[in-house]
């Protein structure tokens, strides 16, 4: 995985959080995760196809997910329901769209699949990949994780 792959998703996350939620995002220490990925209360999985293939998993703790939706909608939510899930999916969908647009500047043509939302805390999630890059991210309303599983599919000329 190349730095431009990772940066496309990190920068897109920063920009969307700043624009939609008025929140700064700071990167923690990156690390490689072997096999299973730890999950959070609300997980949003975004599939990537094209010159890069794989998935991006965003994991949010319950309190942070509810605060994000409150900032976006002005509505106080007390549980992760279909409204909250839909809002989280939309945030991640916008991040994904911005990231693949950024990747096109490096001549990677990619598409995103509709986000899948997995609610409930599970010990771990198998991503059908041997390794991923975990990016822990911090905001003033909480910490969340982005796991990146990407492989190049395009042939180098």
Protein backbone atom coordinates (compact mmCIF):
# COMPACT_ATOMS: atom_id res chain seq x y z
CA UNK A 1 0.00 0.00 0.00
CA UNK A 2 1.41 3.35 -1.06
CA UNK A 3 1.38 6.56 0.93
CA UNK A 4 -0.92 8.24 -1.62
CA UNK A 5 -3.53 5.51 -0.99
CA UNK A 6 -3.50 6.18 2.75
CA UNK A 7 -3.28 9.96 2.44
CA UNK A 8 -6.26 10.10 0.07
CA UNK A 9 -8.51 8.63 2.77
CA UNK A 10 -6.90 10.51 5.67
CA UNK A 11 -7.10 13.91 3.96
CA UNK A 12 -10.67 13.23 2.76
CA UNK A 13 -11.64 12.32 6.34
CA UNK A 14 -10.09 15.54 7.67
CA UNK A 15 -11.85 17.65 5.05
CA UNK A 16 -15.29 16.07 5.51
CA UNK A 17 -15.11 16.25 9.31
CA UNK A 18 -14.10 19.92 9.11
CA UNK A 19 -16.79 20.82 6.55
CA UNK A 20 -19.72 18.76 7.85
CA UNK A 21 -19.00 18.60 11.58
CA UNK A 22 -16.63 21.54 12.21
CA UNK A 23 -14.20 19.09 13.82
CA UNK A 24 -10.45 18.77 13.47
CA UNK A 25 -9.03 15.27 13.01
CA UNK A 26 -5.57 14.27 14.23
CA UNK A 27 -3.81 11.07 13.28
CA UNK A 28 -2.49 8.74 15.95
CA UNK A 29 0.24 6.15 15.46
CA UNK A 30 -0.35 4.00 12.40
CA UNK A 31 0.09 0.25 12.70
CA UNK A 32 -0.31 -2.90 10.68
CA UNK A 33 -3.08 -5.25 11.80
CA UNK A 34 -2.73 -8.93 10.98
CA UNK A 35 -5.88 -10.98 10.34
CA UNK A 36 -8.90 -9.78 12.37
CA UNK A 37 -9.83 -6.14 13.00
CA UNK A 38 -11.28 -4.92 16.30
CA UNK A 39 -14.72 -3.41 15.86
CA UNK A 40 -16.50 -0.48 17.47
CA UNK A 41 -20.18 0.16 18.25
CA UNK A 42 -20.91 1.55 14.76
CA UNK A 43 -18.83 0.33 11.83
CA UNK A 44 -19.13 1.53 8.26
CA UNK A 45 -17.57 -0.60 5.53
CA UNK A 46 -16.83 0.99 2.17
CA UNK A 47 -15.83 -1.20 -0.78
CA UNK A 48 -13.31 0.03 -3.34
CA UNK A 49 -13.07 -1.32 -6.90
CA UNK A 50 -11.08 -0.44 -9.98
CA UNK A 51 -7.31 0.14 -10.06
CA UNK A 52 -7.35 -0.40 -6.31
CA UNK A 53 -9.44 -3.14 -4.77
CA UNK A 54 -10.35 -3.63 -1.15
CA UNK A 55 -12.26 -1.94 1.61
CA UNK A 56 -12.09 0.82 4.17
CA UNK A 57 -13.62 0.20 7.60
CA UNK A 58 -14.54 3.17 9.78
CA UNK A 59 -15.22 2.27 13.42
CA UNK A 60 -16.98 4.72 15.74
CA UNK A 61 -17.78 4.35 19.45
CA UNK A 62 -21.45 4.79 20.39
CA UNK A 63 -21.13 8.21 22.05
CA UNK A 64 -19.14 9.67 19.18
CA UNK A 65 -21.58 8.38 16.55
CA UNK A 66 -24.50 9.97 18.42
CA UNK A 67 -22.63 13.28 18.84
CA UNK A 68 -21.76 13.35 15.12
CA UNK A 69 -25.40 12.96 14.15
CA UNK A 70 -26.42 15.61 16.70
CA UNK A 71 -23.96 18.07 15.14
CA UNK A 72 -25.27 17.29 11.65
CA UNK A 73 -28.99 17.30 12.40
CA UNK A 74 -29.46 19.17 15.67
CA UNK A 75 -31.39 16.15 16.97
CA UNK A 76 -30.40 14.44 20.23
CA UNK A 77 -30.25 10.70 19.66
CA UNK A 78 -30.00 8.13 22.46
CA UNK A 79 -29.25 5.03 20.39
CA UNK A 80 -27.84 4.02 17.05
CA UNK A 81 -30.94 3.50 14.92
CA UNK A 82 -31.64 3.63 11.17
CA UNK A 83 -31.41 7.44 11.13
CA UNK A 84 -28.00 7.43 12.84
CA UNK A 85 -26.79 4.54 10.66
CA UNK A 86 -27.88 6.36 7.52
CA UNK A 87 -26.10 9.56 8.58
CA UNK A 88 -22.87 7.69 9.35
CA UNK A 89 -23.10 5.90 6.01
CA UNK A 90 -23.52 9.22 4.22
CA UNK A 91 -20.47 10.75 5.93
CA UNK A 92 -18.33 7.77 4.95
CA UNK A 93 -19.78 7.79 1.43
CA UNK A 94 -18.70 11.43 0.99
CA UNK A 95 -15.24 10.64 2.40
CA UNK A 96 -14.94 7.75 -0.06
CA UNK A 97 -16.03 9.89 -3.00
CA UNK A 98 -13.50 12.58 -2.10
CA UNK A 99 -10.74 10.00 -1.63
CA UNK A 100 -11.25 8.29 -5.01
CA UNK A 101 -11.35 11.72 -6.66
CA UNK A 102 -8.00 12.46 -5.01
CA UNK A 103 -6.62 9.11 -6.16
CA UNK A 104 -7.49 10.01 -9.75
CA UNK A 105 -4.78 12.70 -9.49
CA UNK A 106 -2.33 9.77 -9.23
CA UNK A 107 -3.96 8.02 -12.22
CA UNK A 108 -5.89 5.52 -10.11
CA UNK A 109 -9.41 5.06 -11.44
CA UNK A 110 -11.56 3.70 -8.62
CA UNK A 111 -15.21 3.42 -7.63
CA UNK A 112 -16.86 3.04 -4.27
CA UNK A 113 -19.63 0.62 -3.37
CA UNK A 114 -22.55 1.75 -1.21
CA UNK A 115 -21.50 1.73 2.45
CA UNK A 116 -22.52 -1.14 4.69
CA UNK A 117 -23.27 -0.28 8.30
CA UNK A 118 -22.57 -2.85 11.02
CA UNK A 119 -24.05 -1.84 14.38
CA UNK A 120 -23.19 -3.53 17.66
CA UNK A 121 -19.92 -4.20 19.34
CA UNK A 122 -18.25 -7.35 18.10
CA UNK A 123 -14.90 -8.56 19.28
CA UNK A 124 -13.47 -8.52 15.78
CA UNK A 125 -14.34 -8.47 12.11
CA UNK A 126 -12.67 -10.58 9.44
CA UNK A 127 -11.88 -8.58 6.32
CA UNK A 128 -10.75 -11.44 4.04
CA UNK A 129 -7.34 -9.83 3.90
CA UNK A 130 -4.17 -10.80 5.66
CA UNK A 131 -3.11 -7.29 6.62
CA UNK A 132 -4.57 -3.84 6.98
CA UNK A 133 -3.31 -0.45 8.01
CA UNK A 134 -4.99 0.92 11.13
CA UNK A 135 -5.18 4.69 11.43
CA UNK A 136 -6.41 5.79 14.87
CA UNK A 137 -7.97 9.26 14.63
CA UNK A 138 -8.77 11.76 17.38
CA UNK A 139 -11.37 14.53 17.51
CA UNK A 140 -12.68 16.66 20.35
CA UNK A 141 -15.80 14.46 20.55
CA UNK A 142 -14.01 11.11 20.53
CA UNK A 143 -11.58 8.70 18.93
CA UNK A 144 -12.31 6.46 15.97
CA UNK A 145 -10.44 4.07 13.71
CA UNK A 146 -9.99 3.75 9.98
CA UNK A 147 -8.73 0.39 8.70
CA UNK A 148 -7.47 0.40 5.12
CA UNK A 149 -7.32 -2.83 3.09
CA UNK A 150 -6.23 -1.95 -0.44
CA UNK A 151 -4.28 -3.70 -3.17
CA UNK A 152 -3.38 -2.46 -6.63
CA UNK A 153 -5.04 -4.21 -9.52
CA UNK A 154 -3.77 -2.09 -12.38
CA UNK A 155 -0.73 -3.14 -14.36
CA UNK A 156 2.29 -0.90 -14.18
CA UNK A 157 3.44 0.24 -17.63
